[in-house]
């Protein structure tokens, strides 16, 4: 039986961490058909492409602000603040970045989705 484990998301605790030009990603859980990660965006590039995955994605902002743009022009961009939860339907093409762009604090969000 696994023991309970606490991750200090804002301190960068993770099982493993990946650095990309578009932000830092820390995996905190992978198993039972789920994956949970935190993403920190500070001084990151804006991805010129669109992100999507074939499953629903739950995203909650825990620090800073995050702007989410959608490839579908009929969907308005969203500015998310700490405590806001975005339910991103499967196959919804989007990109997210720290907002405003000149903010000194990073945007940090927590995402949970079915493992693929």
C-alpha atoms as a PDB file:
ATOM      1  CA  UNK A   1       0.000   0.000   0.000  1.00  0.00           C
ATOM      2  CA  UNK A   2       1.298   3.444  -0.920  1.00  0.00           C
ATOM      3  CA  UNK A   3       1.727   6.038   1.799  1.00  0.00           C
ATOM      4  CA  UNK A   4       0.173   9.507   1.507  1.00  0.00           C
ATOM      5  CA  UNK A   5       2.607  12.032   0.082  1.00  0.00           C
ATOM      6  CA  UNK A   6       2.539  15.826   0.121  1.00  0.00           C
ATOM      7  CA  UNK A   7       3.957  17.827  -2.790  1.00  0.00           C
ATOM      8  CA  UNK A   8       4.741  21.526  -2.308  1.00  0.00           C
ATOM      9  CA  UNK A   9       3.662  22.628  -5.785  1.00  0.00           C
ATOM     10  CA  UNK A  10       4.749  26.239  -5.391  1.00  0.00           C
ATOM     11  CA  UNK A  11       8.177  25.061  -4.214  1.00  0.00           C
ATOM     12  CA  UNK A  12       8.592  22.895  -7.320  1.00  0.00           C
ATOM     13  CA  UNK A  13       8.239  19.472  -5.653  1.00  0.00           C
ATOM     14  CA  UNK A  14       7.755  16.710  -8.234  1.00  0.00           C
ATOM     15  CA  UNK A  15       8.608  13.106  -9.046  1.00  0.00           C
ATOM     16  CA  UNK A  16      10.332  14.419 -12.166  1.00  0.00           C
ATOM     17  CA  UNK A  17      10.659  17.796 -13.864  1.00  0.00           C
ATOM     18  CA  UNK A  18      10.960  18.714 -17.528  1.00  0.00           C
ATOM     19  CA  UNK A  19      12.150  22.110 -18.796  1.00  0.00           C
ATOM     20  CA  UNK A  20      10.879  23.423 -22.144  1.00  0.00           C
ATOM     21  CA  UNK A  21      11.000  26.840 -23.854  1.00  0.00           C
ATOM     22  CA  UNK A  22       7.281  27.127 -23.010  1.00  0.00           C
ATOM     23  CA  UNK A  23       7.518  26.410 -19.272  1.00  0.00           C
ATOM     24  CA  UNK A  24       8.593  23.926 -16.634  1.00  0.00           C
ATOM     25  CA  UNK A  25       6.491  20.800 -16.012  1.00  0.00           C
ATOM     26  CA  UNK A  26       6.611  18.741 -12.811  1.00  0.00           C
ATOM     27  CA  UNK A  27       4.889  15.365 -12.650  1.00  0.00           C
ATOM     28  CA  UNK A  28       3.433  14.653  -9.200  1.00  0.00           C
ATOM     29  CA  UNK A  29       1.316  11.579  -9.963  1.00  0.00           C
ATOM     30  CA  UNK A  30       1.100   8.941 -12.658  1.00  0.00           C
ATOM     31  CA  UNK A  31      -1.054   5.864 -12.140  1.00  0.00           C
ATOM     32  CA  UNK A  32      -4.571   4.457 -11.892  1.00  0.00           C
ATOM     33  CA  UNK A  33      -5.280   5.888 -15.346  1.00  0.00           C
ATOM     34  CA  UNK A  34      -4.456   9.480 -14.317  1.00  0.00           C
ATOM     35  CA  UNK A  35      -1.597  11.915 -14.643  1.00  0.00           C
ATOM     36  CA  UNK A  36      -1.206  15.071 -12.514  1.00  0.00           C
ATOM     37  CA  UNK A  37       1.320  17.819 -13.210  1.00  0.00           C
ATOM     38  CA  UNK A  38       2.115  21.374 -12.228  1.00  0.00           C
ATOM     39  CA  UNK A  39       3.249  23.813 -14.896  1.00  0.00           C
ATOM     40  CA  UNK A  40       5.201  26.993 -14.180  1.00  0.00           C
ATOM     41  CA  UNK A  41       5.439  29.713 -16.812  1.00  0.00           C
ATOM     42  CA  UNK A  42       7.849  32.599 -16.276  1.00  0.00           C
ATOM     43  CA  UNK A  43       9.708  34.416 -19.038  1.00  0.00           C
ATOM     44  CA  UNK A  44       8.615  31.597 -21.317  1.00  0.00           C
ATOM     45  CA  UNK A  45       8.100  31.790 -25.046  1.00  0.00           C
ATOM     46  CA  UNK A  46       4.536  31.655 -26.345  1.00  0.00           C
ATOM     47  CA  UNK A  47       4.117  28.390 -28.206  1.00  0.00           C
ATOM     48  CA  UNK A  48       3.335  29.295 -31.834  1.00  0.00           C
ATOM     49  CA  UNK A  49       1.449  26.006 -32.213  1.00  0.00           C
ATOM     50  CA  UNK A  50      -1.672  24.692 -30.531  1.00  0.00           C
ATOM     51  CA  UNK A  51      -1.891  22.134 -27.698  1.00  0.00           C
ATOM     52  CA  UNK A  52      -4.632  19.517 -27.614  1.00  0.00           C
ATOM     53  CA  UNK A  53      -5.068  16.014 -26.341  1.00  0.00           C
ATOM     54  CA  UNK A  54      -7.698  13.336 -26.930  1.00  0.00           C
ATOM     55  CA  UNK A  55      -8.956  13.457 -23.319  1.00  0.00           C
ATOM     56  CA  UNK A  56     -10.486  16.045 -20.989  1.00  0.00           C
ATOM     57  CA  UNK A  57      -7.990  18.202 -19.068  1.00  0.00           C
ATOM     58  CA  UNK A  58      -8.733  19.922 -15.732  1.00  0.00           C
ATOM     59  CA  UNK A  59      -6.570  22.993 -15.094  1.00  0.00           C
ATOM     60  CA  UNK A  60      -6.587  25.070 -11.896  1.00  0.00           C
ATOM     61  CA  UNK A  61      -4.436  28.175 -11.517  1.00  0.00           C
ATOM     62  CA  UNK A  62      -2.617  28.295  -8.164  1.00  0.00           C
ATOM     63  CA  UNK A  63      -0.404  31.370  -8.650  1.00  0.00           C
ATOM     64  CA  UNK A  64      -0.258  34.356 -10.990  1.00  0.00           C
ATOM     65  CA  UNK A  65      -2.478  34.677 -14.029  1.00  0.00           C
ATOM     66  CA  UNK A  66      -2.745  32.478 -17.092  1.00  0.00           C
ATOM     67  CA  UNK A  67      -4.149  33.512 -20.455  1.00  0.00           C
ATOM     68  CA  UNK A  68      -5.628  30.742 -22.584  1.00  0.00           C
ATOM     69  CA  UNK A  69      -6.279  31.282 -26.295  1.00  0.00           C
ATOM     70  CA  UNK A  70      -8.238  28.874 -28.464  1.00  0.00           C
ATOM     71  CA  UNK A  71      -7.674  27.924 -32.106  1.00  0.00           C
ATOM     72  CA  UNK A  72     -11.446  28.152 -32.622  1.00  0.00           C
ATOM     73  CA  UNK A  73     -11.966  31.898 -33.123  1.00  0.00           C
ATOM     74  CA  UNK A  74     -15.542  31.607 -31.813  1.00  0.00           C
ATOM     75  CA  UNK A  75     -14.143  30.844 -28.328  1.00  0.00           C
ATOM     76  CA  UNK A  76     -12.967  34.013 -26.550  1.00  0.00           C
ATOM     77  CA  UNK A  77      -9.586  33.990 -24.787  1.00  0.00           C
ATOM     78  CA  UNK A  78      -9.764  33.417 -21.033  1.00  0.00           C
ATOM     79  CA  UNK A  79      -7.669  35.110 -18.327  1.00  0.00           C
ATOM     80  CA  UNK A  80      -7.505  32.763 -15.329  1.00  0.00           C
ATOM     81  CA  UNK A  81      -6.577  33.770 -11.777  1.00  0.00           C
ATOM     82  CA  UNK A  82      -5.704  31.695  -8.696  1.00  0.00           C
ATOM     83  CA  UNK A  83      -8.616  29.445  -7.815  1.00  0.00           C
ATOM     84  CA  UNK A  84     -10.053  29.414 -11.361  1.00  0.00           C
ATOM     85  CA  UNK A  85     -10.664  25.967 -12.860  1.00  0.00           C
ATOM     86  CA  UNK A  86     -10.760  25.416 -16.622  1.00  0.00           C
ATOM     87  CA  UNK A  87     -12.416  22.232 -17.873  1.00  0.00           C
ATOM     88  CA  UNK A  88     -10.813  21.732 -21.266  1.00  0.00           C
ATOM     89  CA  UNK A  89     -12.809  19.297 -23.421  1.00  0.00           C
ATOM     90  CA  UNK A  90     -10.980  16.638 -25.405  1.00  0.00           C
ATOM     91  CA  UNK A  91      -9.447  17.802 -28.694  1.00  0.00           C
ATOM     92  CA  UNK A  92      -9.801  21.516 -27.849  1.00  0.00           C
ATOM     93  CA  UNK A  93      -6.831  23.238 -29.444  1.00  0.00           C
ATOM     94  CA  UNK A  94      -5.387  25.998 -27.265  1.00  0.00           C
ATOM     95  CA  UNK A  95      -2.230  27.628 -25.940  1.00  0.00           C
ATOM     96  CA  UNK A  96      -1.565  29.146 -22.517  1.00  0.00           C
ATOM     97  CA  UNK A  97       0.952  31.656 -21.226  1.00  0.00           C
ATOM     98  CA  UNK A  98       1.755  33.927 -18.267  1.00  0.00           C
ATOM     99  CA  UNK A  99      -0.453  37.026 -18.161  1.00  0.00           C
ATOM    100  CA  UNK A 100       0.226  39.841 -18.345  1.00  0.00           C
ATOM    101  CA  UNK A 101       3.396  39.108 -20.246  1.00  0.00           C
ATOM    102  CA  UNK A 102       5.446  41.544 -18.142  1.00  0.00           C
ATOM    103  CA  UNK A 103       4.297  40.055 -14.806  1.00  0.00           C
ATOM    104  CA  UNK A 104       7.148  39.454 -12.370  1.00  0.00           C
ATOM    105  CA  UNK A 105       5.490  36.406 -10.767  1.00  0.00           C
ATOM    106  CA  UNK A 106       5.195  33.132 -12.649  1.00  0.00           C
ATOM    107  CA  UNK A 107       1.873  31.638 -13.644  1.00  0.00           C
ATOM    108  CA  UNK A 108       1.582  28.223 -11.997  1.00  0.00           C
ATOM    109  CA  UNK A 109      -1.238  25.811 -12.710  1.00  0.00           C
ATOM    110  CA  UNK A 110      -2.090  22.263 -11.739  1.00  0.00           C
ATOM    111  CA  UNK A 111      -3.520  19.896 -14.354  1.00  0.00           C
ATOM    112  CA  UNK A 112      -5.090  16.460 -14.042  1.00  0.00           C
ATOM    113  CA  UNK A 113      -6.066  14.314 -17.008  1.00  0.00           C
ATOM    114  CA  UNK A 114      -6.497  10.677 -17.992  1.00  0.00           C
ATOM    115  CA  UNK A 115      -3.147   9.103 -18.828  1.00  0.00           C
ATOM    116  CA  UNK A 116      -2.796   8.331 -22.509  1.00  0.00           C
END
